PDB file of all heavy atoms in Angstrom:
ATOM      1  N   ASP A   1      87.662  87.176  95.349  1.00  0.00           N
ATOM      2  CA  ASP A   1      87.862  88.591  95.026  1.00  0.00           C
ATOM      3  C   ASP A   1      88.939  88.782  93.959  1.00  0.00           C
ATOM      4  O   ASP A   1      89.824  87.937  93.773  1.00  0.00           O
ATOM      5  CB  ASP A   1      88.276  89.379  96.267  1.00  0.00           C
ATOM      6  CG  ASP A   1      87.120  89.627  97.231  1.00  0.00           C
ATOM      7  OD1 ASP A   1      85.960  89.409  96.825  1.00  0.00           O
ATOM      8  OD2 ASP A   1      87.390  90.032  98.380  1.00  0.00           O
ATOM      9  N   VAL A   2      88.860  89.926  93.283  1.00  0.00           N
ATOM     10  CA  VAL A   2      89.914  90.367  92.370  1.00  0.00           C
ATOM     11  C   VAL A   2      90.436  91.699  92.916  1.00  0.00           C
ATOM     12  O   VAL A   2      89.760  92.726  92.820  1.00  0.00           O
ATOM     13  CB  VAL A   2      89.400  90.541  90.930  1.00  0.00           C
ATOM     14  CG1 VAL A   2      90.532  91.043  90.028  1.00  0.00           C
ATOM     15  CG2 VAL A   2      88.839  89.231  90.388  1.00  0.00           C
ATOM     16  N   VAL A   3      91.601  91.663  93.532  1.00  0.00           N
ATOM     17  CA  VAL A   3      92.198  92.867  94.107  1.00  0.00           C
ATOM     18  C   VAL A   3      92.796  93.708  92.976  1.00  0.00           C
ATOM     19  O   VAL A   3      93.574  93.214  92.160  1.00  0.00           O
ATOM     20  CB  VAL A   3      93.298  92.501  95.122  1.00  0.00           C
ATOM     21  CG1 VAL A   3      93.993  93.756  95.643  1.00  0.00           C
ATOM     22  CG2 VAL A   3      92.702  91.701  96.275  1.00  0.00           C
ATOM     23  N   VAL A   4      92.411  94.975  92.914  1.00  0.00           N
ATOM     24  CA  VAL A   4      92.926  95.894  91.900  1.00  0.00           C
ATOM     25  C   VAL A   4      93.731  96.986  92.609  1.00  0.00           C
ATOM     26  O   VAL A   4      93.197  97.722  93.435  1.00  0.00           O
ATOM     27  CB  VAL A   4      91.784  96.532  91.081  1.00  0.00           C
ATOM     28  CG1 VAL A   4      92.349  97.551  90.087  1.00  0.00           C
ATOM     29  CG2 VAL A   4      90.982  95.460  90.351  1.00  0.00           C
ATOM     30  N   ILE A   5      95.031  97.047  92.313  1.00  0.00           N
ATOM     31  CA  ILE A   5      95.898  98.084  92.877  1.00  0.00           C
ATOM     32  C   ILE A   5      96.359  98.977  91.732  1.00  0.00           C
ATOM     33  O   ILE A   5      97.059  98.519  90.828  1.00  0.00           O
ATOM     34  CB  ILE A   5      97.112  97.486  93.601  1.00  0.00           C
ATOM     35  CG1 ILE A   5      96.671  96.455  94.648  1.00  0.00           C
ATOM     36  CG2 ILE A   5      97.937  98.577  94.262  1.00  0.00           C
ATOM     37  CD1 ILE A   5      97.822  95.761  95.345  1.00  0.00           C
ATOM     38  N   ARG A   6      95.959 100.212  91.771  1.00  0.00           N
ATOM     39  CA  ARG A   6      96.280 101.127  90.662  1.00  0.00           C
ATOM     40  C   ARG A   6      97.036 102.365  91.148  1.00  0.00           C
ATOM     41  O   ARG A   6      97.270 102.522  92.346  1.00  0.00           O
ATOM     42  CB  ARG A   6      94.999 101.532  89.945  1.00  0.00           C
ATOM     43  CG  ARG A   6      94.004 102.272  90.822  1.00  0.00           C
ATOM     44  CD  ARG A   6      92.667 102.358  90.116  1.00  0.00           C
ATOM     45  NE  ARG A   6      91.676 103.074  90.928  1.00  0.00           N
ATOM     46  CZ  ARG A   6      90.373 103.100  90.661  1.00  0.00           C
ATOM     47  NH1 ARG A   6      89.896 102.470  89.599  1.00  0.00           N
ATOM     48  NH2 ARG A   6      89.545 103.770  91.433  1.00  0.00           N
ATOM     49  N   TYR A   7      97.439 103.198  90.176  1.00  0.00           N
ATOM     50  CA  TYR A   7      98.299 104.356  90.437  1.00  0.00           C
ATOM     51  C   TYR A   7      99.645 103.933  91.010  1.00  0.00           C
ATOM     52  O   TYR A   7     100.243 104.623  91.828  1.00  0.00           O
ATOM     53  CB  TYR A   7      97.605 105.381  91.358  1.00  0.00           C
ATOM     54  CG  TYR A   7      96.354 105.946  90.721  1.00  0.00           C
ATOM     55  CD1 TYR A   7      95.095 105.548  91.162  1.00  0.00           C
ATOM     56  CD2 TYR A   7      96.430 106.834  89.653  1.00  0.00           C
ATOM     57  CE1 TYR A   7      93.936 106.029  90.553  1.00  0.00           C
ATOM     58  CE2 TYR A   7      95.283 107.318  89.038  1.00  0.00           C
ATOM     59  CZ  TYR A   7      94.045 106.924  89.496  1.00  0.00           C
ATOM     60  OH  TYR A   7      92.895 107.399  88.878  1.00  0.00           O
ATOM     61  N   GLU A   8     100.120 102.764  90.543  1.00  0.00           N
ATOM     62  CA  GLU A   8     101.439 102.271  90.939  1.00  0.00           C
ATOM     63  C   GLU A   8     102.300 101.967  89.711  1.00  0.00           C
ATOM     64  O   GLU A   8     103.304 101.270  89.801  1.00  0.00           O
ATOM     65  CB  GLU A   8     101.311 101.005  91.799  1.00  0.00           C
ATOM     66  CG  GLU A   8     100.688 101.224  93.164  1.00  0.00           C
ATOM     67  CD  GLU A   8     101.555 102.035  94.109  1.00  0.00           C
ATOM     68  OE1 GLU A   8     102.631 102.511  93.699  1.00  0.00           O
ATOM     69  OE2 GLU A   8     101.154 102.217  95.275  1.00  0.00           O
ATOM     70  N   GLY A   9     101.892 102.508  88.548  1.00  0.00           N
ATOM     71  CA  GLY A   9     102.664 102.303  87.325  1.00  0.00           C
ATOM     72  C   GLY A   9     103.851 103.245  87.239  1.00  0.00           C
ATOM     73  O   GLY A   9     104.200 103.932  88.208  1.00  0.00           O
ATOM     74  N   PRO A  10     104.491 103.320  86.070  1.00  0.00           N
ATOM     75  CA  PRO A  10     105.654 104.202  85.916  1.00  0.00           C
ATOM     76  C   PRO A  10     105.359 105.648  86.303  1.00  0.00           C
ATOM     77  O   PRO A  10     106.138 106.265  87.027  1.00  0.00           O
ATOM     78  CB  PRO A  10     105.975 104.073  84.423  1.00  0.00           C
ATOM     79  CG  PRO A  10     105.496 102.697  84.061  1.00  0.00           C
ATOM     80  CD  PRO A  10     104.251 102.505  84.862  1.00  0.00           C
ATOM     81  N   LYS A  11     104.238 106.191  85.847  1.00  0.00           N
ATOM     82  CA  LYS A  11     103.874 107.559  86.194  1.00  0.00           C
ATOM     83  C   LYS A  11     103.270 107.650  87.596  1.00  0.00           C
ATOM     84  O   LYS A  11     103.552 108.560  88.363  1.00  0.00           O
ATOM     85  CB  LYS A  11     102.871 108.120  85.178  1.00  0.00           C
ATOM     86  CG  LYS A  11     103.442 108.435  83.808  1.00  0.00           C
ATOM     87  CD  LYS A  11     102.370 109.033  82.921  1.00  0.00           C
ATOM     88  CE  LYS A  11     102.889 109.373  81.546  1.00  0.00           C
ATOM     89  NZ  LYS A  11     103.916 110.431  81.556  1.00  0.00           N
ATOM     90  N   GLY A  12     102.398 106.712  87.904  1.00  0.00           N
ATOM     91  CA  GLY A  12     101.637 106.783  89.144  1.00  0.00           C
ATOM     92  C   GLY A  12     102.421 106.504  90.398  1.00  0.00           C
ATOM     93  O   GLY A  12     102.140 107.075  91.450  1.00  0.00           O
ATOM     94  N   GLY A  13     103.410 105.608  90.331  1.00  0.00           N
ATOM     95  CA  GLY A  13     104.178 105.210  91.517  1.00  0.00           C
ATOM     96  C   GLY A  13     104.768 106.374  92.302  1.00  0.00           C
ATOM     97  O   GLY A  13     104.535 106.483  93.495  1.00  0.00           O
ATOM     98  N   PRO A  14     105.540 107.275  91.673  1.00  0.00           N
ATOM     99  CA  PRO A  14     106.106 107.027  90.345  1.00  0.00           C
ATOM    100  C   PRO A  14     107.256 106.036  90.439  1.00  0.00           C
ATOM    101  O   PRO A  14     107.834 105.853  91.495  1.00  0.00           O
ATOM    102  CB  PRO A  14     106.591 108.413  89.920  1.00  0.00           C
ATOM    103  CG  PRO A  14     106.916 109.111  91.207  1.00  0.00           C
ATOM    104  CD  PRO A  14     105.933 108.584  92.219  1.00  0.00           C
ATOM    105  N   GLY A  15     107.506 105.393  89.322  1.00  0.00           N
ATOM    106  CA  GLY A  15     108.610 104.455  89.275  1.00  0.00           C
ATOM    107  C   GLY A  15     108.206 103.002  89.233  1.00  0.00           C
ATOM    108  O   GLY A  15     109.047 102.116  89.311  1.00  0.00           O
ATOM    109  N   MET A  16     106.909 102.713  89.120  1.00  0.00           N
ATOM    110  CA  MET A  16     106.415 101.350  88.966  1.00  0.00           C
ATOM    111  C   MET A  16     106.896 100.450  90.100  1.00  0.00           C
ATOM    112  O   MET A  16     107.698  99.539  89.930  1.00  0.00           O
ATOM    113  CB  MET A  16     106.837 100.774  87.615  1.00  0.00           C
ATOM    114  CG  MET A  16     105.955  99.638  87.145  1.00  0.00           C
ATOM    115  SD  MET A  16     106.382  99.111  85.477  1.00  0.00           S
ATOM    116  CE  MET A  16     105.036  97.984  85.169  1.00  0.00           C
ATOM    117  N   ARG A  17     106.372 100.730  91.292  1.00  0.00           N
ATOM    118  CA  ARG A  17     106.792  99.976  92.474  1.00  0.00           C
ATOM    119  C   ARG A  17     106.435  98.492  92.354  1.00  0.00           C
ATOM    120  O   ARG A  17     105.462  98.122  91.710  1.00  0.00           O
ATOM    121  CB  ARG A  17     106.154 100.553  93.727  1.00  0.00           C
ATOM    122  CG  ARG A  17     106.628 101.960  94.047  1.00  0.00           C
ATOM    123  CD  ARG A  17     106.298 102.337  95.470  1.00  0.00           C
ATOM    124  NE  ARG A  17     104.871 102.436  95.707  1.00  0.00           N
ATOM    125  CZ  ARG A  17     104.362 102.679  96.907  1.00  0.00           C
ATOM    126  NH1 ARG A  17     105.147 102.817  97.958  1.00  0.00           N
ATOM    127  NH2 ARG A  17     103.058 102.782  97.065  1.00  0.00           N
ATOM    128  N   GLU A  18     107.235  97.680  93.029  1.00  0.00           N
ATOM    129  CA  GLU A  18     107.023  96.231  93.028  1.00  0.00           C
ATOM    130  C   GLU A  18     105.965  95.864  94.061  1.00  0.00           C
ATOM    131  O   GLU A  18     106.060  96.243  95.227  1.00  0.00           O
ATOM    132  CB  GLU A  18     108.329  95.524  93.348  1.00  0.00           C
ATOM    133  CG  GLU A  18     108.253  94.013  93.316  1.00  0.00           C
ATOM    134  CD  GLU A  18     109.607  93.390  93.613  1.00  0.00           C
ATOM    135  OE1 GLU A  18     110.567  93.678  92.880  1.00  0.00           O
ATOM    136  OE2 GLU A  18     109.694  92.632  94.592  1.00  0.00           O
ATOM    137  N   MET A  19     104.959  95.101  93.632  1.00  0.00           N
ATOM    138  CA  MET A  19     103.841  94.739  94.508  1.00  0.00           C
ATOM    139  C   MET A  19     104.070  93.410  95.227  1.00  0.00           C
ATOM    140  O   MET A  19     103.161  92.590  95.361  1.00  0.00           O
ATOM    141  CB  MET A  19     102.536  94.682  93.695  1.00  0.00           C
ATOM    142  CG  MET A  19     102.145  95.988  93.038  1.00  0.00           C
ATOM    143  SD  MET A  19     101.736  97.296  94.216  1.00  0.00           S
ATOM    144  CE  MET A  19     103.206  98.320  94.090  1.00  0.00           C
ATOM    145  N   LEU A  20     105.290  93.180  95.666  1.00  0.00           N
ATOM    146  CA  LEU A  20     105.600  91.934  96.359  1.00  0.00           C
ATOM    147  C   LEU A  20     104.867  91.838  97.695  1.00  0.00           C
ATOM    148  O   LEU A  20     104.409  90.766  98.088  1.00  0.00           O
ATOM    149  CB  LEU A  20     107.108  91.826  96.580  1.00  0.00           C
ATOM    150  CG  LEU A  20     107.598  90.573  97.318  1.00  0.00           C
ATOM    151  CD1 LEU A  20     107.208  89.315  96.561  1.00  0.00           C
ATOM    152  CD2 LEU A  20     109.107  90.624  97.517  1.00  0.00           C
ATOM    153  N   GLY A  21     104.731  92.970  98.403  1.00  0.00           N
ATOM    154  CA  GLY A  21     104.060  92.966  99.702  1.00  0.00           C
ATOM    155  C   GLY A  21     102.639  92.435  99.634  1.00  0.00           C
ATOM    156  O   GLY A  21     102.279  91.498 100.364  1.00  0.00           O
ATOM    157  N   PRO A  22     101.783  92.986  98.770  1.00  0.00           N
ATOM    158  CA  PRO A  22     100.401  92.492  98.668  1.00  0.00           C
ATOM    159  C   PRO A  22     100.307  91.029  98.243  1.00  0.00           C
ATOM    160  O   PRO A  22      99.495  90.279  98.794  1.00  0.00           O
ATOM    161  CB  PRO A  22      99.777  93.408  97.619  1.00  0.00           C
ATOM    162  CG  PRO A  22     100.566  94.669  97.710  1.00  0.00           C
ATOM    163  CD  PRO A  22     101.968  94.230  98.015  1.00  0.00           C
ATOM    164  N   THR A  23     101.135  90.607  97.294  1.00  0.00           N
ATOM    165  CA  THR A  23     101.062  89.205  96.870  1.00  0.00           C
ATOM    166  C   THR A  23     101.521  88.270  97.987  1.00  0.00           C
ATOM    167  O   THR A  23     100.940  87.203  98.182  1.00  0.00           O
ATOM    168  CB  THR A  23     101.905  88.965  95.598  1.00  0.00           C
ATOM    169  OG1 THR A  23     103.257  89.398  95.820  1.00  0.00           O
ATOM    170  CG2 THR A  23     101.338  89.711  94.414  1.00  0.00           C
ATOM    171  N   ALA A  24     102.558  88.681  98.725  1.00  0.00           N
ATOM    172  CA  ALA A  24     103.029  87.859  99.843  1.00  0.00           C
ATOM    173  C   ALA A  24     101.974  87.802 100.939  1.00  0.00           C
ATOM    174  O   ALA A  24     101.765  86.752 101.563  1.00  0.00           O
ATOM    175  CB  ALA A  24     104.337  88.431 100.385  1.00  0.00           C
ATOM    176  N   ALA A  25     101.289  88.928 101.167  1.00  0.00           N
ATOM    177  CA  ALA A  25     100.240  88.959 102.191  1.00  0.00           C
ATOM    178  C   ALA A  25      99.056  88.087 101.806  1.00  0.00           C
ATOM    179  O   ALA A  25      98.475  87.387 102.648  1.00  0.00           O
ATOM    180  CB  ALA A  25      99.779  90.398 102.419  1.00  0.00           C
ATOM    181  N   ILE A  26      98.703  88.097 100.531  1.00  0.00           N
ATOM    182  CA  ILE A  26      97.616  87.229 100.045  1.00  0.00           C
ATOM    183  C   ILE A  26      97.998  85.769 100.215  1.00  0.00           C
ATOM    184  O   ILE A  26      97.199  84.944 100.676  1.00  0.00           O
ATOM    185  CB  ILE A  26      97.287  87.561  98.579  1.00  0.00           C
ATOM    186  CG1 ILE A  26      96.565  88.909  98.490  1.00  0.00           C
ATOM    187  CG2 ILE A  26      96.428  86.465  97.946  1.00  0.00           C
ATOM    188  CD1 ILE A  26      96.360  89.419  97.077  1.00  0.00           C
ATOM    189  N   ALA A  27      99.241  85.432  99.855  1.00  0.00           N
ATOM    190  CA  ALA A  27      99.707  84.051 100.020  1.00  0.00           C
ATOM    191  C   ALA A  27      99.760  83.676 101.500  1.00  0.00           C
ATOM    192  O   ALA A  27      99.378  82.565 101.890  1.00  0.00           O
ATOM    193  CB  ALA A  27     101.090  83.888  99.380  1.00  0.00           C
ATOM    194  N   GLY A  28     100.213  84.606 102.337  1.00  0.00           N
ATOM    195  CA  GLY A  28     100.290  84.349 103.771  1.00  0.00           C
ATOM    196  C   GLY A  28      98.930  84.116 104.403  1.00  0.00           C
ATOM    197  O   GLY A  28      98.819  83.393 105.393  1.00  0.00           O
ATOM    198  N   ALA A  29      97.900  84.717 103.811  1.00  0.00           N
ATOM    199  CA  ALA A  29      96.537  84.526 104.300  1.00  0.00           C
ATOM    200  C   ALA A  29      95.894  83.265 103.724  1.00  0.00           C
ATOM    201  O   ALA A  29      94.728  82.970 104.014  1.00  0.00           O
ATOM    202  CB  ALA A  29      95.687  85.745 103.954  1.00  0.00           C
ATOM    203  N   GLY A  30      96.678  82.526 102.919  1.00  0.00           N
ATOM    204  CA  GLY A  30      96.163  81.293 102.316  1.00  0.00           C
ATOM    205  C   GLY A  30      95.176  81.525 101.195  1.00  0.00           C
ATOM    206  O   GLY A  30      94.361  80.651 100.881  1.00  0.00           O
ATOM    207  N   LEU A  31      95.265  82.702 100.540  1.00  0.00           N
ATOM    208  CA  LEU A  31      94.303  83.056  99.499  1.00  0.00           C
ATOM    209  C   LEU A  31      94.888  83.059  98.094  1.00  0.00           C
ATOM    210  O   LEU A  31      94.196  83.419  97.132  1.00  0.00           O
ATOM    211  CB  LEU A  31      93.717  84.440  99.789  1.00  0.00           C
ATOM    212  CG  LEU A  31      92.861  84.575 101.046  1.00  0.00           C
ATOM    213  CD1 LEU A  31      92.537  86.049 101.306  1.00  0.00           C
ATOM    214  CD2 LEU A  31      91.574  83.756 100.915  1.00  0.00           C
ATOM    215  N   ASP A  32      96.155  82.650  97.954  1.00  0.00           N
ATOM    216  CA  ASP A  32      96.793  82.751  96.641  1.00  0.00           C
ATOM    217  C   ASP A  32      96.182  81.817  95.602  1.00  0.00           C
ATOM    218  O   ASP A  32      96.404  81.991  94.401  1.00  0.00           O
ATOM    219  CB  ASP A  32      98.301  82.497  96.744  1.00  0.00           C
ATOM    220  CG  ASP A  32      98.629  81.186  97.431  1.00  0.00           C
ATOM    221  OD1 ASP A  32      98.199  80.998  98.589  1.00  0.00           O
ATOM    222  OD2 ASP A  32      99.318  80.357  96.814  1.00  0.00           O
ATOM    223  N   LYS A  33      95.387  80.831  96.037  1.00  0.00           N
ATOM    224  CA  LYS A  33      94.700  79.946  95.089  1.00  0.00           C
ATOM    225  C   LYS A  33      93.230  80.312  94.923  1.00  0.00           C
ATOM    226  O   LYS A  33      92.460  79.588  94.285  1.00  0.00           O
ATOM    227  CB  LYS A  33      94.835  78.496  95.543  1.00  0.00           C
ATOM    228  CG  LYS A  33      96.264  77.973  95.509  1.00  0.00           C
ATOM    229  CD  LYS A  33      96.338  76.506  95.908  1.00  0.00           C
ATOM    230  CE  LYS A  33      97.788  76.004  95.854  1.00  0.00           C
ATOM    231  NZ  LYS A  33      97.892  74.579  96.258  1.00  0.00           N
ATOM    232  N   ASP A  34      92.850  81.447  95.505  1.00  0.00           N
ATOM    233  CA  ASP A  34      91.442  81.857  95.458  1.00  0.00           C
ATOM    234  C   ASP A  34      91.230  83.312  95.092  1.00  0.00           C
ATOM    235  O   ASP A  34      90.098  83.722  94.831  1.00  0.00           O
ATOM    236  CB  ASP A  34      90.787  81.605  96.821  1.00  0.00           C
ATOM    237  CG  ASP A  34      90.834  80.146  97.237  1.00  0.00           C
ATOM    238  OD1 ASP A  34      90.091  79.354  96.661  1.00  0.00           O
ATOM    239  OD2 ASP A  34      91.635  79.818  98.128  1.00  0.00           O
ATOM    240  N   VAL A  35      92.299  84.106  95.076  1.00  0.00           N
ATOM    241  CA  VAL A  35      92.183  85.538  94.830  1.00  0.00           C
ATOM    242  C   VAL A  35      93.129  85.947  93.705  1.00  0.00           C
ATOM    243  O   VAL A  35      94.283  85.517  93.671  1.00  0.00           O
ATOM    244  CB  VAL A  35      92.523  86.344  96.107  1.00  0.00           C
ATOM    245  CG1 VAL A  35      92.693  87.824  95.800  1.00  0.00           C
ATOM    246  CG2 VAL A  35      91.446  86.143  97.165  1.00  0.00           C
ATOM    247  N   ALA A  36      92.627  86.759  92.784  1.00  0.00           N
ATOM    248  CA  ALA A  36      93.478  87.322  91.737  1.00  0.00           C
ATOM    249  C   ALA A  36      93.878  88.734  92.130  1.00  0.00           C
ATOM    250  O   ALA A  36      93.176  89.398  92.903  1.00  0.00           O
ATOM    251  CB  ALA A  36      92.738  87.339  90.401  1.00  0.00           C
ATOM    252  N   LEU A  37      95.015  89.186  91.618  1.00  0.00           N
ATOM    253  CA  LEU A  37      95.472  90.545  91.871  1.00  0.00           C
ATOM    254  C   LEU A  37      95.870  91.171  90.543  1.00  0.00           C
ATOM    255  O   LEU A  37      96.626  90.581  89.762  1.00  0.00           O
ATOM    256  CB  LEU A  37      96.648  90.550  92.836  1.00  0.00           C
ATOM    257  CG  LEU A  37      97.094  91.921  93.374  1.00  0.00           C
ATOM    258  CD1 LEU A  37      97.761  91.774  94.734  1.00  0.00           C
ATOM    259  CD2 LEU A  37      98.041  92.640  92.416  1.00  0.00           C
ATOM    260  N   ILE A  38      95.340  92.358  90.280  1.00  0.00           N
ATOM    261  CA  ILE A  38      95.618  93.069  89.038  1.00  0.00           C
ATOM    262  C   ILE A  38      96.176  94.442  89.381  1.00  0.00           C
ATOM    263  O   ILE A  38      95.628  95.149  90.229  1.00  0.00           O
ATOM    264  CB  ILE A  38      94.341  93.224  88.193  1.00  0.00           C
ATOM    265  CG1 ILE A  38      93.800  91.839  87.791  1.00  0.00           C
ATOM    266  CG2 ILE A  38      94.599  94.073  86.952  1.00  0.00           C
ATOM    267  CD1 ILE A  38      92.441  91.890  87.119  1.00  0.00           C
TER     268      ILE A  38
END
């Protein structure tokens, strides 16, 4: 899969939030070598 998380940019966040939670969750599920996140 290619996970797309949008409306989190400077205007959309607002403030361009850090997406550490989703990337850590993907890695925790053992998918960091199989899933892209945009």
